[in-house]
Amino acid sequence: MAEIRRLDEKRMRKRKAPCPVCGKPLVPDFRPFCSERCKTIDLGRWLGGDYRIPTEEVPEEGELMDLISEQERED
């Protein structure tokens, strides 16, 4: 049984997952994406906070003051 499990694990490692943005097959030059476009879209999602993990944690007072100052500078 252990031998079968090892073979299945090897097969899973060899499989290539599709592009996480559009689902097309990967292109080695842009791995794990299929194109520069999908690579850029994913970067934009990261920078935009789309992959943020929600939390119930309350920011400390110093952090809140920094955020308020930053907001005021942007306005």
C-alpha atoms as a PDB file:
ATOM      1  CA  MET A   1       0.000   0.000   0.000  1.00  0.00           C
ATOM      2  CA  ALA A   2       2.808   2.419   0.863  1.00  0.00           C
ATOM      3  CA  GLU A   3       4.346   1.831  -2.564  1.00  0.00           C
ATOM      4  CA  ILE A   4       1.083   2.732  -4.306  1.00  0.00           C
ATOM      5  CA  ARG A   5       0.802   5.872  -2.191  1.00  0.00           C
ATOM      6  CA  ARG A   6       4.348   6.908  -3.193  1.00  0.00           C
ATOM      7  CA  LEU A   7       3.533   6.409  -6.882  1.00  0.00           C
ATOM      8  CA  ASP A   8       0.414   8.560  -6.540  1.00  0.00           C
ATOM      9  CA  GLU A   9       2.439  11.290  -4.799  1.00  0.00           C
ATOM     10  CA  LYS A  10       5.000  11.235  -7.632  1.00  0.00           C
ATOM     11  CA  ARG A  11       2.226  11.594 -10.217  1.00  0.00           C
ATOM     12  CA  MET A  12       0.730  14.531  -8.334  1.00  0.00           C
ATOM     13  CA  ARG A  13       4.115  16.304  -8.253  1.00  0.00           C
ATOM     14  CA  LYS A  14       4.591  15.794 -11.995  1.00  0.00           C
ATOM     15  CA  ARG A  15       1.190  17.260 -12.865  1.00  0.00           C
ATOM     16  CA  LYS A  16       1.282  20.879 -13.764  1.00  0.00           C
ATOM     17  CA  ALA A  17      -1.465  23.028 -12.334  1.00  0.00           C
ATOM     18  CA  PRO A  18      -3.133  25.479 -14.697  1.00  0.00           C
ATOM     19  CA  CYS A  19      -2.545  29.227 -14.549  1.00  0.00           C
ATOM     20  CA  PRO A  20      -4.121  30.455 -11.286  1.00  0.00           C
ATOM     21  CA  VAL A  21      -5.567  33.529 -13.026  1.00  0.00           C
ATOM     22  CA  CYS A  22      -7.165  32.190 -16.224  1.00  0.00           C
ATOM     23  CA  GLY A  23      -6.814  28.400 -16.068  1.00  0.00           C
ATOM     24  CA  LYS A  24      -4.777  28.027 -19.284  1.00  0.00           C
ATOM     25  CA  PRO A  25      -1.718  25.730 -19.402  1.00  0.00           C
ATOM     26  CA  LEU A  26       1.495  27.101 -17.922  1.00  0.00           C
ATOM     27  CA  VAL A  27       4.314  28.587 -19.971  1.00  0.00           C
ATOM     28  CA  PRO A  28       7.761  27.876 -18.473  1.00  0.00           C
ATOM     29  CA  ASP A  29       8.955  31.483 -18.920  1.00  0.00           C
ATOM     30  CA  PHE A  30       6.053  32.806 -16.798  1.00  0.00           C
ATOM     31  CA  ARG A  31       5.628  29.914 -14.362  1.00  0.00           C
ATOM     32  CA  PRO A  32       3.293  29.581 -12.440  1.00  0.00           C
ATOM     33  CA  PHE A  33       1.364  31.730 -14.934  1.00  0.00           C
ATOM     34  CA  CYS A  34       0.674  31.390 -18.651  1.00  0.00           C
ATOM     35  CA  SER A  35       1.625  34.924 -19.699  1.00  0.00           C
ATOM     36  CA  GLU A  36       2.987  38.292 -18.617  1.00  0.00           C
ATOM     37  CA  ARG A  37      -0.616  39.534 -18.518  1.00  0.00           C
ATOM     38  CA  CYS A  38      -1.697  36.957 -15.915  1.00  0.00           C
ATOM     39  CA  LYS A  39       1.491  37.592 -13.933  1.00  0.00           C
ATOM     40  CA  THR A  40       0.669  41.319 -13.821  1.00  0.00           C
ATOM     41  CA  ILE A  41      -2.974  40.694 -12.906  1.00  0.00           C
ATOM     42  CA  ASP A  42      -1.880  38.545  -9.969  1.00  0.00           C
ATOM     43  CA  LEU A  43       0.612  41.184  -8.798  1.00  0.00           C
ATOM     44  CA  GLY A  44      -2.161  43.785  -8.908  1.00  0.00           C
ATOM     45  CA  ARG A  45      -4.356  41.533  -6.787  1.00  0.00           C
ATOM     46  CA  TRP A  46      -1.585  41.198  -4.192  1.00  0.00           C
ATOM     47  CA  LEU A  47      -0.923  44.916  -4.118  1.00  0.00           C
ATOM     48  CA  GLY A  48      -4.652  45.676  -3.954  1.00  0.00           C
ATOM     49  CA  GLY A  49      -5.109  43.454  -0.913  1.00  0.00           C
ATOM     50  CA  ASP A  50      -7.293  40.857  -2.643  1.00  0.00           C
ATOM     51  CA  TYR A  51      -5.354  38.031  -0.992  1.00  0.00           C
ATOM     52  CA  ARG A  52      -5.528  39.595   2.473  1.00  0.00           C
ATOM     53  CA  ILE A  53      -6.566  37.299   5.289  1.00  0.00           C
ATOM     54  CA  PRO A  54      -9.375  38.888   7.330  1.00  0.00           C
ATOM     55  CA  THR A  55      -8.754  39.232  11.045  1.00  0.00           C
ATOM     56  CA  GLU A  56     -10.589  40.336  14.144  1.00  0.00           C
ATOM     57  CA  GLU A  57      -7.383  41.850  15.493  1.00  0.00           C
ATOM     58  CA  VAL A  58      -7.723  45.494  16.557  1.00  0.00           C
ATOM     59  CA  PRO A  59      -4.858  47.795  15.494  1.00  0.00           C
ATOM     60  CA  GLU A  60      -2.837  49.434  18.246  1.00  0.00           C
ATOM     61  CA  GLU A  61      -3.228  53.166  18.850  1.00  0.00           C
ATOM     62  CA  GLY A  62       0.090  53.970  17.159  1.00  0.00           C
ATOM     63  CA  GLU A  63      -0.954  52.078  14.038  1.00  0.00           C
ATOM     64  CA  LEU A  64      -4.276  53.926  13.953  1.00  0.00           C
ATOM     65  CA  MET A  65      -2.527  57.285  14.219  1.00  0.00           C
ATOM     66  CA  ASP A  66      -0.202  56.315  11.355  1.00  0.00           C
ATOM     67  CA  LEU A  67      -3.183  55.311   9.197  1.00  0.00           C
ATOM     68  CA  ILE A  68      -4.992  58.583   9.944  1.00  0.00           C
ATOM     69  CA  SER A  69      -1.875  60.614   9.096  1.00  0.00           C
ATOM     70  CA  GLU A  70      -1.441  58.675   5.860  1.00  0.00           C
ATOM     71  CA  GLN A  71      -5.086  59.261   4.893  1.00  0.00           C
ATOM     72  CA  GLU A  72      -4.772  62.988   5.587  1.00  0.00           C
ATOM     73  CA  ARG A  73      -1.673  63.216   3.369  1.00  0.00           C
ATOM     74  CA  GLU A  74      -3.510  61.475   0.518  1.00  0.00           C
ATOM     75  CA  ASP A  75      -6.487  63.877   0.715  1.00  0.00           C
END
